[in-house]
Amino acid sequence: MYDVAIIGAGASGLMCACVLKIKNHKLKVLLLEKNDKIGKKLLITGNGRCNLGNLNTNISNYNSSSDINRFKKYLDIKEFLDSKDDVIPSLLDNENYIEYLKYIGIIIKEDEKRLYPYSNQAICVCKAFERYLNYLNVDIKYNYDVTSAIKKDNNFIINNDIKVRQVVIATGGKTYPKTGSTGAGYEILRKFGHNIKTLYPSLTYLKTDYKYIKDIAGVRFDCLVSLSVDKTIKETEDGQVQFTKDSVSGICVFDLSRNVKKYIDEKKKVSLIINLVPNYSVYQLEKYIKSFKEYKIEDALSGIINNKLACVIAKQLKIHGKLVKQMKKSEIDHVLFTLHNMYFNITQTGDFNHAQITNGGANLDEFTDKLESKICKGLYAIGEVLDVDGKCGGYNLSWAFTSALIAGDEIVKMSSK
């Protein structure tokens, strides 16, 4: 019989297995993975660079329908650059997941507050976990799909053939199902009596029916983007936006996408309002445009925004080809307003096949501060399967690793009693 079975060998499951064996090498730990290798989704994070975390640890970068402030102290990543000489830490009581990553052979570097493996390769992260798990003698069953888990006589029975004292659900969410994230963990937790908050795709592109969207496909630019719901601004983000033939994309848009599917399902009117030139006032823009009175309006605008965007705005306002000097004051005013308030009606979001993370999941209020189920003793849940999701920038991997450390630490303590 095993002491602990971890269902899922993604980021949280891998970290949890390491924590358990590092803290108590005598524990018999079993890692169950439905794929033929570990960390399949981990391999594609950060476009293959594997964004492991972020030094900006403000709790506001995380979302949940429950109060997540109780986990604030765990998510605080200390300035790891302060100890460059300490390549391999001693894992003292005051620890975080960055120290564990270094301990198992993943050296970290910073790039604009974001943390990456020094190799810049996600595959190196997976290989480091694989080597260390072998070193720790963690048993791994590949191509093993958990279809049932029940508790009987203070132990758990998995698929009627594995007996274990404690179980950790680390199956991830529903995004990128080809990597094995099919939402199976939600069903396991439901059968133990847990409630699952409605699931929505998050960190994804937003589809639009904007008339000229195909004309600006491929355009990228830095701007300020606001999410409007029923004519009320909900959130604003700055960053680079990218247009495709039917959608608006980019990190700032991904960060605004979290509740969009929910709003649309509730029949609310959703739109993006983009400030194309946030660094310039209306007065400055008007003065600039009027200084080129002999130019066509789209040519004048091309000096400050992308040429394709300039042409689209001229078409939208029905002034294409018109000289600046021929324009009425009301037409100039419309141009100025559009530069600060370009409007895109949003019709849908990317689905779970194209979203980076799942919004929703197992109700966090039904778990202790140590992520043990309040309904079933000895049952834990970590990572994306819980109703916690973060913005782009390494926050979701931070939660995956940190929640694994929290649960792993508690399991070791309980096992020693």
Protein backbone atom coordinates (compact mmCIF):
# COMPACT_ATOMS: atom_id res chain seq x y z
CA MET A 1 0.00 0.00 0.00
CA TYR A 2 1.15 3.54 -0.82
CA ASP A 3 1.20 6.44 1.61
CA VAL A 4 0.25 9.01 -1.03
CA ALA A 5 -1.10 8.83 -4.58
CA ILE A 6 -0.97 11.96 -6.71
CA ILE A 7 -3.35 11.95 -9.65
CA GLY A 8 -1.78 14.00 -12.43
CA ALA A 9 1.88 14.60 -13.32
CA GLY A 10 1.58 18.22 -14.36
CA ALA A 11 3.28 21.14 -12.63
CA SER A 12 1.47 20.79 -9.29
CA GLY A 13 1.66 16.99 -9.18
CA LEU A 14 5.37 16.94 -9.98
CA MET A 15 6.19 19.52 -7.33
CA CYS A 16 4.04 17.76 -4.74
CA ALA A 17 5.80 14.43 -5.30
CA CYS A 18 9.21 16.11 -4.87
CA VAL A 19 8.16 17.96 -1.72
CA LEU A 20 6.83 14.78 -0.11
CA LYS A 21 9.98 12.76 -0.74
CA ILE A 22 12.40 15.58 0.10
CA LYS A 23 10.70 16.14 3.44
CA ASN A 24 10.26 12.42 4.20
CA HIS A 25 12.16 9.99 1.99
CA LYS A 26 10.44 7.05 3.69
CA LEU A 27 7.04 7.92 2.27
CA LYS A 28 5.81 5.61 -0.50
CA VAL A 29 4.63 8.02 -3.17
CA LEU A 30 2.83 7.06 -6.38
CA LEU A 31 2.37 9.45 -9.30
CA LEU A 32 -0.44 8.56 -11.73
CA GLU A 33 -0.29 10.07 -15.23
CA LYS A 34 -2.73 9.44 -18.08
CA ASN A 35 -0.14 10.43 -20.74
CA ASP A 36 3.00 8.53 -21.72
CA LYS A 37 5.23 11.24 -20.20
CA ILE A 38 5.14 13.89 -17.48
CA GLY A 39 4.47 17.62 -17.83
CA LYS A 40 2.84 17.60 -21.25
CA LYS A 41 1.10 20.94 -20.67
CA LEU A 42 4.15 22.32 -18.88
CA LEU A 43 6.10 21.89 -22.13
CA ILE A 44 4.02 24.53 -23.92
CA THR A 45 3.91 27.20 -21.21
CA GLY A 46 5.49 30.55 -21.93
CA ASN A 47 5.66 29.62 -25.64
CA GLY A 48 8.08 26.87 -24.70
CA ARG A 49 10.17 29.09 -22.39
CA CYS A 50 8.19 28.06 -19.29
CA ASN A 51 7.29 31.21 -17.33
CA LEU A 52 7.79 29.84 -13.80
CA GLY A 53 6.63 32.84 -11.79
CA ASN A 54 6.63 36.57 -11.28
CA LEU A 55 8.32 38.80 -8.73
CA ASN A 56 5.23 41.03 -8.66
CA THR A 57 3.38 38.92 -6.10
CA ASN A 58 0.38 41.15 -5.44
CA ILE A 59 -2.56 38.91 -4.56
CA SER A 60 -4.75 40.97 -6.93
CA ASN A 61 -3.11 39.07 -9.80
CA TYR A 62 -5.09 36.01 -8.72
CA ASN A 63 -8.81 35.38 -9.08
CA SER A 64 -11.27 33.18 -7.21
CA SER A 65 -14.91 33.28 -6.17
CA SER A 66 -13.60 32.47 -2.67
CA ASP A 67 -11.32 34.54 -0.44
CA ILE A 68 -7.74 33.75 -1.46
CA ASN A 69 -6.09 36.23 0.92
CA ARG A 70 -5.42 33.32 3.29
CA PHE A 71 -2.82 32.11 0.77
CA LYS A 72 -1.16 35.50 0.33
CA LYS A 73 1.89 34.71 2.48
CA TYR A 74 2.57 31.51 0.53
CA LEU A 75 2.46 33.28 -2.85
CA ASP A 76 5.01 35.89 -1.81
CA ILE A 77 8.16 35.05 -3.78
CA LYS A 78 11.18 36.64 -2.14
CA GLU A 79 13.82 38.40 -4.20
CA PHE A 80 15.79 35.31 -5.17
CA LEU A 81 18.52 37.42 -6.79
CA ASP A 82 19.67 38.48 -3.31
CA SER A 83 21.40 35.11 -2.89
CA LYS A 84 23.19 34.50 -6.20
CA ASP A 85 25.95 32.55 -4.46
CA ASP A 86 23.45 30.20 -2.86
CA VAL A 87 22.77 28.17 -6.01
CA ILE A 88 21.45 25.18 -4.08
CA PRO A 89 19.47 26.32 -1.02
CA SER A 90 19.19 24.40 2.21
CA LEU A 91 15.36 24.42 2.21
CA LEU A 92 14.96 26.07 5.57
CA ASP A 93 11.61 26.47 7.28
CA ASN A 94 11.05 29.81 5.54
CA GLU A 95 10.80 28.34 2.05
CA ASN A 96 9.06 28.90 -1.27
CA TYR A 97 8.80 26.93 -4.50
CA ILE A 98 11.68 28.84 -6.15
CA GLU A 99 14.03 27.28 -3.59
CA TYR A 100 12.65 23.83 -4.42
CA LEU A 101 13.13 24.38 -8.14
CA LYS A 102 16.78 25.29 -7.57
CA TYR A 103 17.17 22.34 -5.23
CA ILE A 104 16.10 19.86 -7.93
CA GLY A 105 18.28 21.49 -10.60
CA ILE A 106 16.21 24.27 -12.19
CA ILE A 107 18.16 27.52 -12.03
CA ILE A 108 16.04 30.65 -12.40
CA LYS A 109 16.59 33.98 -14.12
CA GLU A 110 14.54 37.17 -14.20
CA ASP A 111 13.23 38.92 -17.30
CA GLU A 112 11.17 42.04 -16.50
CA LYS A 113 9.89 40.55 -13.23
CA ARG A 114 9.00 37.26 -14.93
CA LEU A 115 10.93 34.17 -13.90
CA TYR A 116 12.21 31.64 -16.43
CA PRO A 117 14.54 28.64 -16.36
CA TYR A 118 18.07 29.76 -17.17
CA SER A 119 17.97 27.43 -20.17
CA ASN A 120 14.89 29.20 -21.57
CA GLN A 121 13.46 25.76 -22.32
CA ALA A 122 10.38 24.13 -20.80
CA ILE A 123 11.73 20.72 -21.75
CA CYS A 124 14.70 21.27 -19.41
CA VAL A 125 12.23 21.87 -16.57
CA CYS A 126 10.41 18.61 -17.32
CA LYS A 127 13.68 16.70 -17.60
CA ALA A 128 14.88 18.08 -14.26
CA PHE A 129 11.67 16.90 -12.59
CA GLU A 130 11.95 13.51 -14.28
CA ARG A 131 15.55 13.00 -13.16
CA TYR A 132 14.85 14.08 -9.60
CA LEU A 133 11.74 11.93 -9.26
CA ASN A 134 13.80 8.93 -10.33
CA TYR A 135 16.48 9.89 -7.81
CA LEU A 136 13.83 10.11 -5.09
CA ASN A 137 12.40 6.70 -6.06
CA VAL A 138 8.91 8.01 -6.76
CA ASP A 139 6.84 5.35 -8.51
CA ILE A 140 5.23 6.65 -11.70
CA LYS A 141 2.49 4.87 -13.62
CA TYR A 142 2.17 6.20 -17.17
CA ASN A 143 -0.87 5.77 -19.45
CA TYR A 144 -2.96 5.31 -16.32
CA ASP A 145 -6.41 6.89 -16.46
CA VAL A 146 -8.12 7.23 -13.10
CA THR A 147 -11.80 6.47 -13.57
CA SER A 148 -12.80 5.94 -9.94
CA ALA A 149 -11.60 6.80 -6.45
CA ILE A 150 -13.44 5.88 -3.27
CA LYS A 151 -12.69 5.90 0.43
CA LYS A 152 -13.06 2.66 2.35
CA ASP A 153 -11.97 1.89 5.93
CA ASN A 154 -9.86 5.06 6.22
CA ASN A 155 -8.01 4.28 2.98
CA PHE A 156 -8.60 5.18 -0.66
CA ILE A 157 -9.10 2.71 -3.48
CA ILE A 158 -8.24 3.92 -7.00
CA ASN A 159 -9.64 2.02 -10.00
CA ASN A 160 -10.26 -0.94 -7.69
CA ASP A 161 -6.55 -1.90 -7.81
CA ILE A 162 -4.51 0.72 -5.93
CA LYS A 163 -4.79 1.13 -2.17
CA VAL A 164 -3.45 4.33 -0.63
CA ARG A 165 -3.70 6.29 2.61
CA GLN A 166 -3.96 9.81 1.14
CA VAL A 167 -4.85 11.15 -2.30
CA VAL A 168 -3.90 14.40 -4.03
CA ILE A 169 -5.96 15.57 -7.02
CA ALA A 170 -3.59 17.41 -9.37
CA THR A 171 -5.35 16.83 -12.67
CA GLY A 172 -5.40 20.43 -13.89
CA GLY A 173 -8.37 22.12 -15.54
CA LYS A 174 -10.04 21.78 -18.95
CA THR A 175 -7.75 23.86 -21.16
CA TYR A 176 -5.65 22.26 -23.89
CA PRO A 177 -7.44 18.89 -23.56
CA LYS A 178 -4.95 17.33 -26.02
CA THR A 179 -2.36 17.57 -23.23
CA GLY A 180 -4.59 15.47 -20.97
CA SER A 181 -6.42 18.30 -19.19
CA THR A 182 -9.93 16.98 -19.76
CA GLY A 183 -11.52 18.01 -16.46
CA ALA A 184 -11.46 14.49 -15.00
CA GLY A 185 -10.44 15.80 -11.58
CA TYR A 186 -13.67 17.74 -11.26
CA GLU A 187 -15.71 14.55 -11.55
CA ILE A 188 -13.57 12.77 -8.96
CA LEU A 189 -14.07 15.63 -6.50
CA ARG A 190 -17.81 15.80 -7.24
CA LYS A 191 -18.16 12.15 -6.27
CA PHE A 192 -16.57 12.97 -2.92
CA GLY A 193 -19.25 15.65 -2.42
CA HIS A 194 -17.37 18.76 -3.58
CA ASN A 195 -19.04 21.57 -5.49
CA ILE A 196 -17.47 22.75 -8.74
CA LYS A 197 -17.77 26.38 -9.69
CA THR A 198 -18.89 26.88 -13.30
CA LEU A 199 -15.98 26.45 -15.71
CA TYR A 200 -15.05 29.07 -18.31
CA PRO A 201 -12.07 29.48 -20.65
CA SER A 202 -9.68 32.22 -19.47
CA LEU A 203 -6.54 33.89 -20.83
CA THR A 204 -7.79 33.61 -24.39
CA TYR A 205 -8.60 35.72 -27.43
CA LEU A 206 -11.89 37.57 -27.88
CA LYS A 207 -13.92 37.26 -31.08
CA THR A 208 -15.42 40.35 -32.64
CA ASP A 209 -17.85 41.21 -35.43
CA TYR A 210 -16.07 44.49 -36.19
CA LYS A 211 -16.79 45.25 -39.86
CA TYR A 212 -13.18 45.85 -40.88
CA ILE A 213 -11.43 43.26 -38.70
CA LYS A 214 -9.98 41.37 -41.69
CA ASP A 215 -8.40 44.60 -42.96
CA ILE A 216 -6.27 44.90 -39.80
CA ALA A 217 -5.41 41.21 -39.34
CA GLY A 218 -1.78 40.86 -38.28
CA VAL A 219 -1.53 44.39 -36.87
CA ARG A 220 0.20 44.66 -33.47
CA PHE A 221 0.55 47.81 -31.37
CA ASP A 222 0.86 49.04 -27.80
CA CYS A 223 -2.26 50.60 -26.33
CA LEU A 224 -4.68 50.84 -23.42
CA VAL A 225 -7.62 48.38 -23.48
CA SER A 226 -10.80 48.56 -21.41
CA LEU A 227 -13.42 45.86 -20.99
CA SER A 228 -16.95 47.27 -21.08
CA VAL A 229 -19.96 45.25 -19.88
CA ASP A 230 -23.39 46.75 -20.43
CA LYS A 231 -21.71 50.12 -21.02
CA THR A 232 -19.79 49.99 -17.73
CA ILE A 233 -15.98 49.77 -17.69
CA LYS A 234 -14.99 46.72 -15.64
CA GLU A 235 -11.23 46.58 -16.08
CA THR A 236 -8.41 48.26 -17.98
CA GLU A 237 -5.06 46.81 -19.06
CA ASP A 238 -2.14 48.17 -21.04
CA GLY A 239 0.09 46.23 -23.40
CA GLN A 240 0.37 45.00 -26.94
CA VAL A 241 -2.78 44.09 -28.86
CA GLN A 242 -2.85 41.86 -31.92
CA PHE A 243 -5.67 41.50 -34.44
CA THR A 244 -6.50 38.33 -36.36
CA LYS A 245 -9.10 37.86 -39.09
CA ASP A 246 -11.91 37.54 -36.52
CA SER A 247 -10.57 38.37 -33.06
CA VAL A 248 -8.55 40.60 -30.75
CA SER A 249 -5.60 39.02 -28.95
CA GLY A 250 -2.51 39.85 -26.90
CA ILE A 251 -1.55 39.49 -23.22
CA CYS A 252 -3.57 42.51 -22.09
CA VAL A 253 -6.65 41.10 -23.84
CA PHE A 254 -6.03 37.66 -22.31
CA ASP A 255 -5.98 39.27 -18.86
CA LEU A 256 -9.35 40.88 -19.57
CA SER A 257 -10.92 37.67 -20.88
CA ARG A 258 -11.52 35.90 -17.55
CA ASN A 259 -15.25 36.56 -17.14
CA VAL A 260 -16.17 37.38 -20.73
CA LYS A 261 -17.73 33.98 -21.53
CA LYS A 262 -19.81 34.26 -18.36
CA TYR A 263 -21.00 37.76 -19.34
CA ILE A 264 -21.91 36.59 -22.84
CA ASP A 265 -23.83 33.59 -21.46
CA GLU A 266 -25.73 36.04 -19.26
CA LYS A 267 -26.70 37.97 -22.43
CA LYS A 268 -24.73 41.03 -21.39
CA LYS A 269 -23.26 43.37 -23.99
CA VAL A 270 -19.48 43.03 -23.99
CA SER A 271 -17.04 45.24 -25.84
CA LEU A 272 -13.40 46.31 -25.90
CA ILE A 273 -12.64 50.02 -25.99
CA ILE A 274 -9.09 50.63 -27.17
CA ASN A 275 -7.14 53.82 -26.63
CA LEU A 276 -4.71 53.76 -29.56
CA VAL A 277 -2.65 56.72 -28.36
CA PRO A 278 -2.89 56.87 -24.55
CA ASN A 279 0.21 59.05 -24.25
CA TYR A 280 -1.31 61.96 -26.17
CA SER A 281 -4.17 64.26 -25.26
CA VAL A 282 -7.01 65.24 -27.57
CA TYR A 283 -5.48 68.71 -27.84
CA GLN A 284 -2.09 67.33 -28.89
CA LEU A 285 -3.66 64.99 -31.45
CA GLU A 286 -5.83 67.71 -32.95
CA LYS A 287 -2.84 70.03 -33.27
CA TYR A 288 -0.83 67.28 -34.94
CA ILE A 289 -3.54 66.31 -37.45
CA LYS A 290 -4.29 69.91 -38.44
CA SER A 291 -0.60 70.53 -39.10
CA PHE A 292 -0.97 68.24 -42.14
CA LYS A 293 -3.99 69.93 -43.69
CA GLU A 294 -2.87 69.07 -47.26
CA TYR A 295 -2.73 65.34 -46.43
CA LYS A 296 -5.47 62.78 -46.75
CA ILE A 297 -6.72 62.00 -43.25
CA GLU A 298 -5.45 58.40 -43.36
CA ASP A 299 -1.99 59.64 -44.34
CA ALA A 300 -1.97 62.13 -41.48
CA LEU A 301 -3.00 59.41 -39.04
CA SER A 302 -0.30 57.04 -40.35
CA GLY A 303 2.27 59.18 -38.59
CA ILE A 304 0.93 58.13 -35.19
CA ILE A 305 -0.81 54.78 -35.70
CA ASN A 306 -0.41 51.74 -37.93
CA ASN A 307 -1.25 52.52 -41.58
CA LYS A 308 -3.86 49.74 -41.77
CA LEU A 309 -5.57 51.09 -38.67
CA ALA A 310 -5.47 54.61 -40.11
CA CYS A 311 -7.19 53.43 -43.29
CA VAL A 312 -9.81 51.46 -41.34
CA ILE A 313 -10.69 54.46 -39.15
CA ALA A 314 -11.09 56.60 -42.27
CA LYS A 315 -13.39 53.98 -43.81
CA GLN A 316 -15.36 53.55 -40.59
CA LEU A 317 -15.98 57.30 -40.34
CA LYS A 318 -16.64 57.59 -44.10
CA ILE A 319 -13.85 60.11 -44.66
CA HIS A 320 -11.44 57.89 -46.60
CA GLY A 321 -9.44 59.93 -49.11
CA LYS A 322 -10.61 63.25 -47.69
CA LEU A 323 -8.03 66.00 -47.15
CA VAL A 324 -7.66 67.25 -43.59
CA LYS A 325 -8.41 70.82 -44.73
CA GLN A 326 -11.73 69.65 -46.23
CA MET A 327 -12.95 68.06 -43.02
CA LYS A 328 -15.66 69.55 -40.84
CA LYS A 329 -15.04 70.13 -37.14
CA SER A 330 -17.46 67.30 -36.30
CA GLU A 331 -15.44 64.93 -38.51
CA ILE A 332 -12.19 65.92 -36.80
CA ASP A 333 -13.88 65.40 -33.43
CA HIS A 334 -15.00 61.89 -34.46
CA VAL A 335 -11.44 61.03 -35.47
CA LEU A 336 -10.08 62.28 -32.15
CA PHE A 337 -12.72 60.36 -30.20
CA THR A 338 -12.00 57.14 -32.12
CA LEU A 339 -8.26 57.40 -31.50
CA HIS A 340 -8.98 57.24 -27.77
CA ASN A 341 -12.08 55.03 -27.97
CA MET A 342 -11.92 52.52 -30.82
CA TYR A 343 -14.83 50.18 -30.20
CA PHE A 344 -14.99 46.41 -30.80
CA ASN A 345 -18.15 44.47 -30.04
CA ILE A 346 -17.24 41.07 -28.54
CA THR A 347 -19.31 38.08 -29.65
CA GLN A 348 -17.46 35.13 -28.10
CA THR A 349 -14.20 33.92 -26.54
CA GLY A 350 -11.72 31.26 -27.52
CA ASP A 351 -12.83 27.83 -26.28
CA PHE A 352 -11.03 25.44 -23.92
CA ASN A 353 -8.86 24.28 -26.82
CA HIS A 354 -7.43 27.78 -27.14
CA ALA A 355 -7.50 29.12 -23.58
CA GLN A 356 -4.44 29.01 -21.32
CA ILE A 357 -6.26 28.47 -18.04
CA THR A 358 -9.62 27.47 -16.55
CA ASN A 359 -11.76 29.99 -14.70
CA GLY A 360 -13.72 28.13 -12.01
CA GLY A 361 -13.15 24.76 -10.40
CA ALA A 362 -13.43 23.07 -7.02
CA ASN A 363 -14.83 25.45 -4.41
CA LEU A 364 -11.85 26.69 -2.39
CA ASP A 365 -14.06 27.25 0.68
CA GLU A 366 -14.48 23.48 0.95
CA PHE A 367 -10.74 23.05 1.59
CA THR A 368 -8.62 23.99 4.60
CA ASP A 369 -5.74 26.44 4.56
CA LYS A 370 -3.57 23.37 3.93
CA LEU A 371 -5.76 22.34 0.95
CA GLU A 372 -7.18 19.24 2.62
CA SER A 373 -10.82 18.52 1.89
CA LYS A 374 -13.20 19.54 4.66
CA ILE A 375 -15.57 16.86 3.38
CA CYS A 376 -13.20 13.88 3.11
CA LYS A 377 -10.16 13.60 5.40
CA GLY A 378 -6.96 12.61 3.60
CA LEU A 379 -8.14 14.03 0.26
CA TYR A 380 -6.26 17.06 -1.12
CA ALA A 381 -6.58 19.21 -4.24
CA ILE A 382 -3.90 21.43 -5.76
CA GLY A 383 -3.27 23.55 -8.84
CA GLU A 384 -5.74 24.41 -11.56
CA VAL A 385 -8.41 21.94 -10.45
CA LEU A 386 -9.20 24.44 -7.67
CA ASP A 387 -11.14 27.65 -8.27
CA VAL A 388 -8.03 29.84 -8.50
CA ASP A 389 -6.64 31.38 -11.67
CA GLY A 390 -4.11 34.10 -12.32
CA LYS A 391 -3.16 36.62 -14.95
CA CYS A 392 -0.56 36.03 -17.65
CA GLY A 393 3.01 36.22 -16.43
CA GLY A 394 3.74 33.03 -14.50
CA TYR A 395 1.02 33.42 -11.87
CA ASN A 396 -0.73 30.16 -12.68
CA LEU A 397 2.45 28.12 -12.40
CA SER A 398 3.17 29.98 -9.15
CA TRP A 399 -0.17 28.76 -7.81
CA ALA A 400 0.43 25.22 -9.10
CA PHE A 401 3.82 24.96 -7.39
CA THR A 402 2.83 26.84 -4.24
CA SER A 403 -0.35 24.84 -3.65
CA ALA A 404 1.71 21.66 -4.09
CA LEU A 405 4.15 22.85 -1.43
CA ILE A 406 1.28 23.73 0.96
CA ALA A 407 -0.42 20.35 0.60
CA GLY A 408 2.83 18.39 0.57
CA ASP A 409 4.00 19.99 3.80
CA GLU A 410 0.71 19.17 5.52
CA ILE A 411 0.70 15.55 4.29
CA VAL A 412 4.21 15.03 5.67
CA LYS A 413 3.18 16.46 9.03
CA MET A 414 0.05 14.31 9.21
CA SER A 415 1.98 11.18 8.13
CA SER A 416 4.44 11.60 11.00
CA LYS A 417 1.68 11.52 13.65
